[in-house]
Amino acid sequence: MPRAFTRRSFLTGLSAAAAMGALASCTRSAVAVPGLPHQTVWSTYGVGTGTYNDVAAIANTLTQQVGMQVRLMTSDTGIGRLAPLINGTAQYSRTGDEYYYAFEGDDEYASEVWGPKRLRLVLAPPGNYGILVRKDSGIETVADLAGKRYPRLVASTSMNRKLEGILNYGGLSTADVTMVDVSYSEQIEALKTGQIDTLYQNVVGANVSELASQFPIRWLDLGGNDPSKYATWEELSPMMIAGSFTDGAGMEPGQSAVNLQYSLPLVTLADRPAEEVQMLLASMEKHYGKYKDATPDAHKFHSDEAMLTPLVIPMHEGSVDFLKQAGKWTADLQKRNQALLKREQLLAAAWPGFWKQHSGDPAIAAKWRSWKKENFPKLPTVDDVPTDSASKEA
């Protein structure tokens, strides 16, 4: 049986990467909102990242406007961001793809300490990510990457799956390129010095804008109407779709391209009170004007911009209530959400016996993924949510 988290295992999961910062205290202008706690802790990425800055702007607004003080706990690792949520030290987390893998009990979460967790989606602001090259590289399309030096990001299974999906889009595999081990933060310098020919990055941010100011860059397009180009995406990274973007670093005004679109969402646990989650989202929407221009991506935390598909973990009950009131919850989303709740039950029932049988197997994570694919029903599709014409559900 998977054992419960202890304080020691929580601290181990955080390692030395976690840090806690207090934001501004409640001001006299704040009007307390019934249903919201006086104080919460949110875990997220490290200080200085765009993700942290988004959350800090929202947290500061909540503190000032509704009197809910938010402390931010930071970590550079997925386990470090989720451990305090599972342990109860944090109430919310803005995460990377670890929210999906922890729900499924996949990869590093296929362990005795972890296993499938009852996570819930609160809000999914969209983000665009892709690969860029120097314009003087001669690389015009993904297919042109054949034989080139391609990044393999250290300690980043989820991003490497996305990088593999991009190669597949161009009819390539990892065997068709020269893989170069590099950390995410080292990519820009590696591109400048010729160690790699392309890099994976958010389309906005100070670091990529600085690169574009030094070297003209090109974002490789992932658009088109050929479904075969996206055939492996659902298996590799089911939370991503192809989505158009403008105003990326190095792009001309009015220019657009298509790359990966997925969310670094706000998540919580299933037992978070529905009223609290609903009132949190309502407060964020009511005071949206206070933070929407604070960072390049803060405006994406409005329900009008939220990514509703692909839905890969259940939406929290309070979020469903909020989206219903906003007129954005559909019949297909309801069916998908119910199927995910059923899948959660199947995961919880199957995992203890699977762990007992395979706990000593170094290939347990791969076997668990295969077992689920063979034994769990396929999730229903969502066809009644409007999407960008350049996007497709993975």
Protein backbone atom coordinates (compact mmCIF):
# COMPACT_ATOMS: atom_id res chain seq x y z
CA MET A 1 0.00 0.00 0.00
CA PRO A 2 1.26 3.52 -0.67
CA ARG A 3 2.15 5.14 2.62
CA ALA A 4 0.80 8.51 3.69
CA PHE A 5 2.97 11.58 3.50
CA THR A 6 4.88 12.35 6.65
CA ARG A 7 6.55 15.62 7.56
CA ARG A 8 9.90 14.01 6.79
CA SER A 9 8.83 12.83 3.34
CA PHE A 10 7.41 16.28 2.61
CA LEU A 11 10.68 17.95 3.48
CA THR A 12 12.54 15.38 1.42
CA GLY A 13 10.30 16.11 -1.55
CA LEU A 14 10.96 19.80 -1.28
CA SER A 15 14.72 19.30 -0.88
CA ALA A 16 16.70 22.49 -0.73
CA ALA A 17 14.74 24.20 -3.51
CA ALA A 18 11.72 25.40 -1.55
CA ALA A 19 11.57 28.90 -0.21
CA MET A 20 8.73 30.88 1.29
CA GLY A 21 7.98 34.56 0.85
CA ALA A 22 5.30 36.70 2.41
CA LEU A 23 3.47 39.22 0.30
CA ALA A 24 2.03 42.51 1.45
CA SER A 25 -0.33 42.35 4.40
CA CYS A 26 -3.98 43.23 4.20
CA THR A 27 -4.66 46.91 3.54
CA ARG A 28 -7.46 48.98 5.01
CA SER A 29 -9.18 49.09 1.61
CA ALA A 30 -9.64 45.31 1.54
CA VAL A 31 -13.19 44.05 1.92
CA ALA A 32 -13.34 40.51 3.29
CA VAL A 33 -15.28 38.08 1.09
CA PRO A 34 -17.37 35.39 2.82
CA GLY A 35 -16.10 31.94 1.98
CA LEU A 36 -12.47 32.95 1.51
CA PRO A 37 -9.89 32.08 4.18
CA HIS A 38 -7.88 34.84 5.82
CA GLN A 39 -4.60 33.22 4.82
CA THR A 40 -3.47 30.66 2.26
CA VAL A 41 -0.21 29.24 0.96
CA TRP A 42 0.35 28.70 -2.77
CA SER A 43 3.29 26.75 -4.15
CA THR A 44 4.79 27.66 -7.50
CA TYR A 45 7.96 28.15 -9.53
CA GLY A 46 11.07 29.98 -8.32
CA VAL A 47 11.32 33.68 -7.60
CA GLY A 48 11.92 35.70 -10.75
CA THR A 49 10.27 33.30 -13.20
CA GLY A 50 7.36 34.56 -15.27
CA THR A 51 5.14 31.97 -13.61
CA TYR A 52 6.06 33.26 -10.16
CA ASN A 53 5.50 36.85 -11.24
CA ASP A 54 1.99 36.03 -12.50
CA VAL A 55 1.03 34.41 -9.20
CA ALA A 56 2.67 37.16 -7.14
CA ALA A 57 0.61 39.81 -8.95
CA ILE A 58 -2.62 37.91 -8.34
CA ALA A 59 -1.71 37.15 -4.73
CA ASN A 60 -0.93 40.78 -4.02
CA THR A 61 -4.25 41.84 -5.55
CA LEU A 62 -6.19 39.32 -3.46
CA THR A 63 -4.45 40.52 -0.32
CA GLN A 64 -5.16 44.16 -1.05
CA GLN A 65 -8.70 43.79 -2.37
CA VAL A 66 -10.34 40.96 -0.42
CA GLY A 67 -8.05 40.56 2.59
CA MET A 68 -6.90 37.04 1.74
CA GLN A 69 -3.21 36.97 2.50
CA VAL A 70 -1.28 34.65 0.19
CA ARG A 71 2.17 33.34 0.96
CA LEU A 72 4.15 31.87 -1.90
CA MET A 73 6.24 28.72 -1.49
CA THR A 74 8.67 28.19 -4.35
CA SER A 75 10.47 25.24 -5.86
CA ASP A 76 12.28 24.44 -9.10
CA THR A 77 10.96 20.86 -9.21
CA GLY A 78 7.55 19.35 -9.82
CA ILE A 79 7.70 17.26 -6.66
CA GLY A 80 8.77 20.33 -4.71
CA ARG A 81 5.70 22.22 -5.93
CA LEU A 82 3.22 19.40 -5.31
CA ALA A 83 4.57 17.97 -2.05
CA PRO A 84 3.34 20.88 0.11
CA LEU A 85 -0.10 20.64 -1.51
CA ILE A 86 -0.39 16.92 -0.82
CA ASN A 87 1.04 17.37 2.66
CA GLY A 88 -1.44 20.13 3.52
CA THR A 89 1.14 22.87 3.96
CA ALA A 90 -0.14 24.63 0.83
CA GLN A 91 -3.75 24.96 -0.30
CA TYR A 92 -3.10 25.77 -3.96
CA SER A 93 -0.32 25.21 -6.45
CA ARG A 94 0.52 26.67 -9.82
CA THR A 95 2.28 23.78 -11.44
CA GLY A 96 3.81 22.41 -14.58
CA ASP A 97 2.77 19.11 -16.12
CA GLU A 98 3.37 17.39 -12.79
CA TYR A 99 -0.31 17.98 -11.94
CA TYR A 100 -1.26 15.46 -14.63
CA TYR A 101 1.45 12.90 -13.86
CA ALA A 102 0.67 13.01 -10.13
CA PHE A 103 -3.05 12.50 -10.83
CA GLU A 104 -2.18 9.48 -12.97
CA GLY A 105 0.64 8.22 -10.73
CA ASP A 106 3.02 8.27 -13.71
CA ASP A 107 6.80 8.63 -14.06
CA GLU A 108 8.42 9.68 -10.76
CA TYR A 109 4.99 9.57 -9.11
CA ALA A 110 4.79 5.80 -9.68
CA SER A 111 6.27 5.26 -6.24
CA GLU A 112 5.35 4.06 -2.78
CA VAL A 113 5.20 7.61 -1.41
CA TRP A 114 3.11 8.98 -4.28
CA GLY A 115 0.87 6.92 -6.50
CA PRO A 116 -2.26 8.55 -8.01
CA LYS A 117 -3.41 11.68 -6.15
CA ARG A 118 -6.85 13.33 -6.03
CA LEU A 119 -5.91 16.60 -7.70
CA ARG A 120 -8.38 19.10 -9.13
CA LEU A 121 -8.04 21.81 -11.77
CA VAL A 122 -8.97 25.28 -10.56
CA LEU A 123 -8.03 27.48 -13.53
CA ALA A 124 -5.96 26.85 -16.65
CA PRO A 125 -4.44 30.00 -18.17
CA PRO A 126 -3.06 29.20 -21.64
CA GLY A 127 0.59 29.49 -22.58
CA ASN A 128 2.43 29.13 -25.88
CA TYR A 129 5.72 27.30 -26.14
CA GLY A 130 7.76 26.09 -29.05
CA ILE A 131 11.15 25.81 -30.67
CA LEU A 132 13.05 28.64 -32.24
CA VAL A 133 16.14 28.87 -34.40
CA ARG A 134 18.44 31.64 -35.51
CA LYS A 135 17.29 33.08 -38.82
CA ASP A 136 20.77 32.63 -40.24
CA SER A 137 20.68 28.87 -39.49
CA GLY A 138 18.99 27.93 -42.75
CA ILE A 139 16.36 26.01 -40.78
CA GLU A 140 12.91 26.92 -42.11
CA THR A 141 10.73 23.99 -40.97
CA VAL A 142 10.78 21.21 -38.39
CA ALA A 143 11.77 18.76 -41.12
CA ASP A 144 14.93 20.83 -41.65
CA LEU A 145 16.11 19.79 -38.18
CA ALA A 146 17.23 16.41 -39.53
CA GLY A 147 20.89 15.96 -38.63
CA LYS A 148 20.90 19.07 -36.41
CA ARG A 149 21.78 19.36 -32.72
CA TYR A 150 18.56 19.06 -30.72
CA PRO A 151 18.10 19.71 -26.99
CA ARG A 152 17.37 16.95 -24.48
CA LEU A 153 16.47 18.85 -21.33
CA VAL A 154 18.04 17.54 -18.16
CA ALA A 155 15.58 16.25 -15.51
CA SER A 156 12.55 17.26 -17.55
CA THR A 157 10.64 14.22 -18.77
CA SER A 158 7.51 16.17 -19.65
CA MET A 159 9.27 18.79 -21.79
CA ASN A 160 11.31 16.12 -23.54
CA ARG A 161 8.07 14.40 -24.51
CA LYS A 162 6.91 17.68 -26.04
CA LEU A 163 10.20 18.02 -27.88
CA GLU A 164 9.72 14.51 -29.24
CA GLY A 165 6.21 15.42 -30.36
CA ILE A 166 7.59 18.41 -32.25
CA LEU A 167 10.04 16.17 -34.10
CA ASN A 168 7.21 13.77 -34.94
CA TYR A 169 5.26 16.69 -36.41
CA GLY A 170 8.09 17.12 -38.89
CA GLY A 171 8.25 13.40 -39.71
CA LEU A 172 11.34 12.95 -37.55
CA SER A 173 12.30 11.03 -34.42
CA THR A 174 15.11 11.43 -31.92
CA ALA A 175 17.17 9.08 -34.10
CA ASP A 176 17.15 11.70 -36.88
CA VAL A 177 18.85 14.42 -34.81
CA THR A 178 21.90 14.69 -32.59
CA MET A 179 20.62 14.85 -29.03
CA VAL A 180 22.44 17.30 -26.75
CA ASP A 181 21.91 17.20 -22.99
CA VAL A 182 21.33 20.70 -21.67
CA SER A 183 19.31 22.26 -18.86
CA TYR A 184 16.33 24.44 -19.69
CA SER A 185 18.07 27.59 -18.42
CA GLU A 186 21.27 26.86 -20.34
CA GLN A 187 19.61 26.61 -23.76
CA ILE A 188 19.95 30.24 -24.79
CA GLU A 189 23.68 30.34 -24.17
CA ALA A 190 24.04 26.96 -25.87
CA LEU A 191 22.26 28.31 -28.97
CA LYS A 192 24.50 31.38 -29.03
CA THR A 193 27.66 29.27 -28.86
CA GLY A 194 26.50 26.70 -31.40
CA GLN A 195 26.12 23.75 -29.03
CA ILE A 196 22.50 23.36 -30.14
CA ASP A 197 20.69 24.49 -33.29
CA THR A 198 17.27 25.04 -31.75
CA LEU A 199 15.80 25.55 -28.29
CA TYR A 200 12.49 25.12 -26.47
CA GLN A 201 11.02 28.21 -24.82
CA ASN A 202 7.97 30.23 -23.84
CA VAL A 203 7.22 32.71 -26.62
CA VAL A 204 7.39 35.65 -24.19
CA GLY A 205 9.81 36.52 -21.42
CA ALA A 206 12.83 38.65 -20.73
CA ASN A 207 15.39 35.98 -21.59
CA VAL A 208 14.01 35.08 -25.01
CA SER A 209 13.38 38.76 -25.83
CA GLU A 210 16.99 39.53 -25.00
CA LEU A 211 18.09 36.72 -27.32
CA ALA A 212 15.92 38.10 -30.11
CA SER A 213 17.48 41.54 -29.66
CA GLN A 214 20.93 40.05 -30.23
CA PHE A 215 20.16 37.51 -32.97
CA PRO A 216 17.19 37.50 -35.37
CA ILE A 217 15.17 34.38 -34.54
CA ARG A 218 12.45 32.29 -36.17
CA TRP A 219 9.73 30.25 -34.43
CA LEU A 220 9.20 27.00 -36.32
CA ASP A 221 5.55 26.66 -37.30
CA LEU A 222 3.51 23.65 -36.13
CA GLY A 223 0.33 24.43 -38.03
CA GLY A 224 -1.53 22.77 -40.89
CA ASN A 225 -4.52 20.53 -41.46
CA ASP A 226 -2.76 17.17 -41.55
CA PRO A 227 -3.89 15.10 -38.51
CA SER A 228 -1.07 12.61 -39.05
CA LYS A 229 1.44 15.26 -37.98
CA TYR A 230 -0.12 15.24 -34.49
CA ALA A 231 -0.69 11.49 -34.25
CA THR A 232 1.70 10.92 -31.33
CA TRP A 233 0.82 13.99 -29.29
CA GLU A 234 -1.98 12.51 -27.19
CA GLU A 235 0.24 9.63 -26.08
CA LEU A 236 3.30 11.78 -25.44
CA SER A 237 1.71 14.81 -23.81
CA PRO A 238 -2.11 14.80 -23.67
CA MET A 239 -2.35 18.29 -22.16
CA MET A 240 -0.94 20.03 -25.25
CA ILE A 241 -2.56 21.18 -28.48
CA ALA A 242 -1.39 23.17 -31.47
CA GLY A 243 -2.32 26.82 -30.98
CA SER A 244 -1.66 30.08 -32.77
CA PHE A 245 0.11 33.02 -31.15
CA THR A 246 1.17 36.58 -31.94
CA ASP A 247 3.56 39.03 -30.30
CA GLY A 248 6.16 36.36 -29.60
CA ALA A 249 9.75 37.42 -29.09
CA GLY A 250 11.37 38.37 -32.39
CA MET A 251 8.07 38.50 -34.30
CA GLU A 252 6.93 41.42 -36.42
CA PRO A 253 3.71 43.25 -35.47
CA GLY A 254 0.74 41.31 -36.84
CA GLN A 255 2.80 38.20 -37.52
CA SER A 256 1.42 34.91 -36.22
CA ALA A 257 2.58 31.32 -35.98
CA VAL A 258 1.42 28.03 -34.51
CA ASN A 259 3.23 26.12 -31.81
CA LEU A 260 2.40 24.21 -28.62
CA GLN A 261 -0.32 25.54 -26.36
CA TYR A 262 -0.84 24.18 -22.88
CA SER A 263 -1.40 25.46 -19.38
CA LEU A 264 0.64 25.82 -16.24
CA PRO A 265 -2.56 25.67 -14.20
CA LEU A 266 -3.70 26.50 -10.70
CA VAL A 267 -4.64 23.25 -8.94
CA THR A 268 -5.79 22.09 -5.54
CA LEU A 269 -6.99 18.90 -3.85
CA ALA A 270 -10.43 17.38 -4.25
CA ASP A 271 -11.47 18.19 -0.69
CA ARG A 272 -10.94 21.96 -0.99
CA PRO A 273 -14.32 23.59 -0.19
CA ALA A 274 -16.34 24.30 -3.34
CA GLU A 275 -17.53 27.67 -2.03
CA GLU A 276 -13.95 28.76 -1.41
CA VAL A 277 -12.79 27.82 -4.91
CA GLN A 278 -15.78 29.47 -6.53
CA MET A 279 -15.32 32.68 -4.52
CA LEU A 280 -11.58 32.70 -5.24
CA LEU A 281 -12.24 32.64 -8.98
CA ALA A 282 -15.00 35.22 -8.67
CA SER A 283 -12.66 37.51 -6.73
CA MET A 284 -9.89 37.08 -9.30
CA GLU A 285 -12.34 37.99 -12.05
CA LYS A 286 -13.82 40.94 -10.17
CA HIS A 287 -10.40 42.49 -9.58
CA TYR A 288 -8.89 41.37 -12.88
CA GLY A 289 -8.15 44.96 -13.87
CA LYS A 290 -5.81 45.35 -10.90
CA TYR A 291 -3.32 42.70 -12.08
CA LYS A 292 -3.96 41.95 -15.78
CA ASP A 293 -1.15 44.21 -17.00
CA ALA A 294 1.34 43.37 -14.25
CA THR A 295 3.11 40.69 -16.34
CA PRO A 296 3.01 39.64 -20.01
CA ASP A 297 0.78 36.64 -19.18
CA ALA A 298 -1.32 37.87 -16.24
CA HIS A 299 -4.21 38.76 -18.56
CA LYS A 300 -4.64 35.04 -19.29
CA PHE A 301 -6.14 34.44 -15.82
CA HIS A 302 -9.61 35.46 -16.98
CA SER A 303 -12.31 32.91 -17.70
CA ASP A 304 -12.59 34.28 -21.25
CA GLU A 305 -9.05 33.05 -21.94
CA ALA A 306 -8.97 29.86 -19.85
CA MET A 307 -8.04 26.58 -21.58
CA LEU A 308 -10.97 24.21 -21.12
CA THR A 309 -9.52 21.52 -23.37
CA PRO A 310 -7.70 19.24 -23.25
CA LEU A 311 -9.17 18.44 -19.81
CA VAL A 312 -6.86 15.79 -18.33
CA ILE A 313 -7.70 15.90 -14.62
CA PRO A 314 -11.10 16.62 -13.05
CA MET A 315 -12.23 20.21 -12.73
CA HIS A 316 -12.90 21.22 -9.13
CA GLU A 317 -16.56 21.41 -8.17
CA GLY A 318 -16.18 25.09 -7.29
CA SER A 319 -14.60 25.81 -10.67
CA VAL A 320 -17.45 24.00 -12.42
CA ASP A 321 -19.96 26.18 -10.53
CA PHE A 322 -18.02 29.30 -11.50
CA LEU A 323 -17.81 28.30 -15.17
CA LYS A 324 -21.51 27.46 -15.24
CA GLN A 325 -22.34 30.93 -13.99
CA ALA A 326 -20.02 32.37 -16.63
CA GLY A 327 -21.80 30.35 -19.32
CA LYS A 328 -18.67 28.42 -20.26
CA TRP A 329 -19.42 24.92 -18.98
CA THR A 330 -20.72 22.59 -21.69
CA ALA A 331 -22.38 19.19 -21.93
CA ASP A 332 -19.23 17.59 -23.35
CA LEU A 333 -17.10 19.09 -20.58
CA GLN A 334 -19.50 17.62 -18.04
CA LYS A 335 -19.23 14.15 -19.64
CA ARG A 336 -15.44 14.41 -19.75
CA ASN A 337 -15.29 15.56 -16.13
CA GLN A 338 -17.50 12.71 -14.96
CA ALA A 339 -15.32 10.24 -16.87
CA LEU A 340 -12.21 11.67 -15.19
CA LEU A 341 -13.83 11.30 -11.77
CA LYS A 342 -14.57 7.67 -12.63
CA ARG A 343 -10.98 7.26 -13.81
CA GLU A 344 -9.81 8.61 -10.46
CA GLN A 345 -11.76 5.85 -8.73
CA LEU A 346 -10.25 3.24 -11.03
CA LEU A 347 -6.75 4.56 -10.37
CA ALA A 348 -7.26 4.45 -6.61
CA ALA A 349 -8.60 0.90 -6.75
CA ALA A 350 -5.91 -0.47 -9.08
CA TRP A 351 -2.76 1.19 -7.78
CA PRO A 352 -2.24 -0.60 -4.41
CA GLY A 353 -2.36 -4.06 -5.98
CA PHE A 354 -0.23 -2.98 -8.92
CA TRP A 355 2.38 -1.52 -6.56
CA LYS A 356 2.41 -4.66 -4.45
CA GLN A 357 3.02 -6.79 -7.53
CA HIS A 358 5.62 -4.56 -9.28
CA SER A 359 7.26 -2.48 -6.52
CA GLY A 360 10.74 -3.88 -7.16
CA ASP A 361 10.58 -3.50 -10.93
CA PRO A 362 12.68 -0.62 -12.33
CA ALA A 363 10.26 -0.44 -15.28
CA ILE A 364 7.19 -0.02 -13.07
CA ALA A 365 6.29 3.41 -14.49
CA ALA A 366 6.23 2.16 -18.08
CA LYS A 367 4.29 -0.96 -17.11
CA TRP A 368 1.75 1.12 -15.17
CA ARG A 369 1.13 3.34 -18.20
CA SER A 370 0.69 0.29 -20.44
CA TRP A 371 -1.61 -1.44 -17.95
CA LYS A 372 -3.88 1.59 -17.74
CA LYS A 373 -4.06 1.88 -21.51
CA GLU A 374 -5.15 -1.74 -21.78
CA ASN A 375 -7.59 -1.78 -18.86
CA PHE A 376 -9.19 1.67 -18.52
CA PRO A 377 -11.85 3.04 -20.88
CA LYS A 378 -10.95 5.81 -23.29
CA LEU A 379 -12.06 9.26 -22.16
CA PRO A 380 -14.83 10.97 -24.16
CA THR A 381 -13.87 13.83 -26.45
CA VAL A 382 -14.98 17.44 -26.04
CA ASP A 383 -16.45 18.80 -29.26
CA ASP A 384 -18.64 21.67 -28.07
CA VAL A 385 -16.03 24.14 -26.81
CA PRO A 386 -15.05 26.84 -29.33
CA THR A 387 -11.36 26.74 -30.19
CA ASP A 388 -8.97 28.71 -32.34
CA SER A 389 -9.14 27.49 -35.92
CA ALA A 390 -5.42 26.74 -35.76
CA SER A 391 -5.87 24.55 -32.71
CA LYS A 392 -6.84 20.92 -32.45
CA GLU A 393 -7.49 18.77 -29.43
CA ALA A 394 -4.72 16.26 -28.86
